[in-house]
Structure formats: structure tokens, C-alpha cells
């Protein structure tokens, strides 16, 4: 299962929770209008 989270901003903890639950069985995709949003670097 792949998950897309939009407008992630600084929600790195939220992405970490999703990534843990996916347990390698899918991809976590993040999107934000700011290319420097910290959470973008947490996603796959």
C-alpha cells in the first residue's frame, strides 16, 4: 500500500509513525509547496 500525505510541513513524527506501520510493505510519499519542509526528507 502506498500512502500520500500532502502539506506535511514539519510533521516528521507523523511520517515516522506511518513508516513504522507500513513496515516496508509500501511507500510513504510526502508533498509540500515548500521544498525545504523538514518532513519531505523523512518520506520515501
PDB file of N, CA and C in Angstrom:
ATOM      1  N   UNK A   1       0.849  -1.162   0.000  1.00  0.00           N
ATOM      2  CA  UNK A   1       0.000   0.000   0.000  1.00  0.00           C
ATOM      3  C   UNK A   1       0.900   1.233   0.000  1.00  0.00           C
ATOM      4  N   UNK A   2       0.607   2.176  -0.838  1.00  0.00           N
ATOM      5  CA  UNK A   2       1.321   3.445  -0.876  1.00  0.00           C
ATOM      6  C   UNK A   2       0.441   4.521  -0.257  1.00  0.00           C
ATOM      7  N   UNK A   3       1.075   5.422   0.493  1.00  0.00           N
ATOM      8  CA  UNK A   3       0.339   6.488   1.170  1.00  0.00           C
ATOM      9  C   UNK A   3       0.927   7.831   0.759  1.00  0.00           C
ATOM     10  N   UNK A   4       0.053   8.755   0.373  1.00  0.00           N
ATOM     11  CA  UNK A   4       0.446  10.115   0.020  1.00  0.00           C
ATOM     12  C   UNK A   4      -0.073  11.050   1.100  1.00  0.00           C
ATOM     13  N   UNK A   5       0.830  11.829   1.681  1.00  0.00           N
ATOM     14  CA  UNK A   5       0.442  12.830   2.672  1.00  0.00           C
ATOM     15  C   UNK A   5       0.824  14.189   2.104  1.00  0.00           C
ATOM     16  N   UNK A   6      -0.159  15.071   1.990  1.00  0.00           N
ATOM     17  CA  UNK A   6       0.084  16.392   1.412  1.00  0.00           C
ATOM     18  C   UNK A   6       0.202  17.436   2.515  1.00  0.00           C
ATOM     19  N   UNK A   7       0.859  18.544   2.198  1.00  0.00           N
ATOM     20  CA  UNK A   7       1.072  19.650   3.139  1.00  0.00           C
ATOM     21  C   UNK A   7       1.700  19.154   4.438  1.00  0.00           C
ATOM     22  N   UNK A   8       2.796  18.420   4.326  1.00  0.00           N
ATOM     23  CA  UNK A   8       3.408  17.810   5.500  1.00  0.00           C
ATOM     24  C   UNK A   8       4.112  18.811   6.402  1.00  0.00           C
ATOM     25  N   UNK A   9       4.735  19.822   5.838  1.00  0.00           N
ATOM     26  CA  UNK A   9       5.392  20.842   6.647  1.00  0.00           C
ATOM     27  C   UNK A   9       6.403  20.261   7.619  1.00  0.00           C
ATOM     28  N   UNK A  10       6.143  20.456   8.933  1.00  0.00           N
ATOM     29  CA  UNK A  10       7.066  19.982   9.969  1.00  0.00           C
ATOM     30  C   UNK A  10       6.581  18.714  10.656  1.00  0.00           C
ATOM     31  N   UNK A  11       5.659  18.008  10.075  1.00  0.00           N
ATOM     32  CA  UNK A  11       5.064  16.824  10.719  1.00  0.00           C
ATOM     33  C   UNK A  11       5.918  15.570  10.528  1.00  0.00           C
ATOM     34  N   UNK A  12       7.167  15.641  10.916  1.00  0.00           N
ATOM     35  CA  UNK A  12       8.063  14.498  10.742  1.00  0.00           C
ATOM     36  C   UNK A  12       7.633  13.312  11.595  1.00  0.00           C
ATOM     37  N   UNK A  13       7.139  13.574  12.790  1.00  0.00           N
ATOM     38  CA  UNK A  13       6.726  12.481  13.682  1.00  0.00           C
ATOM     39  C   UNK A  13       5.576  11.692  13.061  1.00  0.00           C
ATOM     40  N   UNK A  14       4.641  12.375  12.428  1.00  0.00           N
ATOM     41  CA  UNK A  14       3.514  11.702  11.772  1.00  0.00           C
ATOM     42  C   UNK A  14       4.014  10.755  10.678  1.00  0.00           C
ATOM     43  N   UNK A  15       4.962  11.219   9.888  1.00  0.00           N
ATOM     44  CA  UNK A  15       5.513  10.372   8.833  1.00  0.00           C
ATOM     45  C   UNK A  15       6.273   9.185   9.408  1.00  0.00           C
ATOM     46  N   UNK A  16       6.965   9.390  10.513  1.00  0.00           N
ATOM     47  CA  UNK A  16       7.681   8.282  11.152  1.00  0.00           C
ATOM     48  C   UNK A  16       6.712   7.212  11.633  1.00  0.00           C
ATOM     49  N   UNK A  17       5.570   7.621  12.179  1.00  0.00           N
ATOM     50  CA  UNK A  17       4.554   6.656  12.622  1.00  0.00           C
ATOM     51  C   UNK A  17       4.028   5.833  11.441  1.00  0.00           C
ATOM     52  N   UNK A  18       3.704   6.510  10.353  1.00  0.00           N
ATOM     53  CA  UNK A  18       3.203   5.812   9.166  1.00  0.00           C
ATOM     54  C   UNK A  18       4.261   4.855   8.617  1.00  0.00           C
ATOM     55  N   UNK A  19       5.507   5.314   8.565  1.00  0.00           N
ATOM     56  CA  UNK A  19       6.587   4.490   8.032  1.00  0.00           C
ATOM     57  C   UNK A  19       6.775   3.224   8.874  1.00  0.00           C
ATOM     58  N   UNK A  20       6.671   3.380  10.183  1.00  0.00           N
ATOM     59  CA  UNK A  20       6.803   2.232  11.085  1.00  0.00           C
ATOM     60  C   UNK A  20       5.679   1.223  10.848  1.00  0.00           C
ATOM     61  N   UNK A  21       4.458   1.707  10.698  1.00  0.00           N
ATOM     62  CA  UNK A  21       3.313   0.820  10.498  1.00  0.00           C
ATOM     63  C   UNK A  21       3.326   0.153   9.122  1.00  0.00           C
ATOM     64  N   UNK A  22       3.861   0.833   8.115  1.00  0.00           N
ATOM     65  CA  UNK A  22       3.963   0.226   6.784  1.00  0.00           C
ATOM     66  C   UNK A  22       4.936  -0.951   6.799  1.00  0.00           C
ATOM     67  N   UNK A  23       5.957  -0.853   7.629  1.00  0.00           N
ATOM     68  CA  UNK A  23       6.906  -1.953   7.827  1.00  0.00           C
ATOM     69  C   UNK A  23       7.483  -2.473   6.507  1.00  0.00           C
ATOM     70  N   UNK A  24       7.791  -1.538   5.590  1.00  0.00           N
ATOM     71  CA  UNK A  24       8.398  -1.928   4.324  1.00  0.00           C
ATOM     72  C   UNK A  24       7.441  -2.502   3.292  1.00  0.00           C
ATOM     73  N   UNK A  25       6.144  -2.496   3.573  1.00  0.00           N
ATOM     74  CA  UNK A  25       5.169  -3.078   2.650  1.00  0.00           C
ATOM     75  C   UNK A  25       4.576  -2.062   1.682  1.00  0.00           C
ATOM     76  N   UNK A  26       5.107  -0.870   1.667  1.00  0.00           N
ATOM     77  CA  UNK A  26       4.608   0.158   0.766  1.00  0.00           C
ATOM     78  C   UNK A  26       5.506   1.372   0.829  1.00  0.00           C
ATOM     79  N   UNK A  27       5.107   2.406   0.123  1.00  0.00           N
ATOM     80  CA  UNK A  27       5.885   3.640   0.107  1.00  0.00           C
ATOM     81  C   UNK A  27       5.100   4.753   0.770  1.00  0.00           C
ATOM     82  N   UNK A  28       5.837   5.621   1.443  1.00  0.00           N
ATOM     83  CA  UNK A  28       5.261   6.804   2.055  1.00  0.00           C
ATOM     84  C   UNK A  28       5.727   7.999   1.234  1.00  0.00           C
ATOM     85  N   UNK A  29       4.779   8.689   0.624  1.00  0.00           N
ATOM     86  CA  UNK A  29       5.089   9.810  -0.257  1.00  0.00           C
ATOM     87  C   UNK A  29       4.572  11.085   0.397  1.00  0.00           C
ATOM     88  N   UNK A  30       5.438  12.089   0.478  1.00  0.00           N
ATOM     89  CA  UNK A  30       5.073  13.358   1.099  1.00  0.00           C
ATOM     90  C   UNK A  30       5.140  14.471   0.057  1.00  0.00           C
ATOM     91  N   UNK A  31       4.261  15.454   0.217  1.00  0.00           N
ATOM     92  CA  UNK A  31       4.242  16.596  -0.693  1.00  0.00           C
ATOM     93  C   UNK A  31       4.018  17.880   0.101  1.00  0.00           C
ATOM     94  N   UNK A  32       4.674  18.937  -0.337  1.00  0.00           N
ATOM     95  CA  UNK A  32       4.503  20.248   0.280  1.00  0.00           C
ATOM     96  C   UNK A  32       4.923  21.296  -0.740  1.00  0.00           C
ATOM     97  N   UNK A  33       4.353  22.487  -0.650  1.00  0.00           N
ATOM     98  CA  UNK A  33       4.707  23.541  -1.608  1.00  0.00           C
ATOM     99  C   UNK A  33       6.085  24.140  -1.299  1.00  0.00           C
ATOM    100  N   UNK A  34       6.577  23.948  -0.070  1.00  0.00           N
ATOM    101  CA  UNK A  34       7.895  24.446   0.329  1.00  0.00           C
ATOM    102  C   UNK A  34       8.919  23.323   0.163  1.00  0.00           C
ATOM    103  N   UNK A  35       9.896  23.518  -0.706  1.00  0.00           N
ATOM    104  CA  UNK A  35      10.878  22.452  -0.951  1.00  0.00           C
ATOM    105  C   UNK A  35      11.801  22.218   0.241  1.00  0.00           C
ATOM    106  N   UNK A  36      11.774  23.112   1.219  1.00  0.00           N
ATOM    107  CA  UNK A  36      12.613  22.958   2.407  1.00  0.00           C
ATOM    108  C   UNK A  36      11.843  22.416   3.607  1.00  0.00           C
ATOM    109  N   UNK A  37      10.623  21.967   3.409  1.00  0.00           N
ATOM    110  CA  UNK A  37       9.822  21.417   4.510  1.00  0.00           C
ATOM    111  C   UNK A  37      10.540  20.194   5.091  1.00  0.00           C
ATOM    112  N   UNK A  38      10.795  20.189   6.393  1.00  0.00           N
ATOM    113  CA  UNK A  38      11.561  19.100   7.020  1.00  0.00           C
ATOM    114  C   UNK A  38      10.983  17.705   6.794  1.00  0.00           C
ATOM    115  N   UNK A  39       9.687  17.568   6.787  1.00  0.00           N
ATOM    116  CA  UNK A  39       9.066  16.245   6.661  1.00  0.00           C
ATOM    117  C   UNK A  39       9.289  15.624   5.285  1.00  0.00           C
ATOM    118  N   UNK A  40       9.585  16.422   4.287  1.00  0.00           N
ATOM    119  CA  UNK A  40       9.840  15.874   2.949  1.00  0.00           C
ATOM    120  C   UNK A  40      11.040  14.934   2.949  1.00  0.00           C
ATOM    121  N   UNK A  41      11.966  15.166   3.850  1.00  0.00           N
ATOM    122  CA  UNK A  41      13.185  14.364   3.894  1.00  0.00           C
ATOM    123  C   UNK A  41      13.030  13.107   4.741  1.00  0.00           C
ATOM    124  N   UNK A  42      11.873  12.946   5.380  1.00  0.00           N
ATOM    125  CA  UNK A  42      11.586  11.754   6.175  1.00  0.00           C
ATOM    126  C   UNK A  42      10.908  10.685   5.327  1.00  0.00           C
ATOM    127  N   UNK A  43      10.180  11.101   4.316  1.00  0.00           N
ATOM    128  CA  UNK A  43       9.411  10.166   3.478  1.00  0.00           C
ATOM    129  C   UNK A  43      10.318   9.385   2.538  1.00  0.00           C
ATOM    130  N   UNK A  44       9.720   8.355   1.897  1.00  0.00           N
ATOM    131  CA  UNK A  44      10.462   7.558   0.911  1.00  0.00           C
ATOM    132  C   UNK A  44      10.650   8.401  -0.285  1.00  0.00           C
TER     133      UNK A  44
END
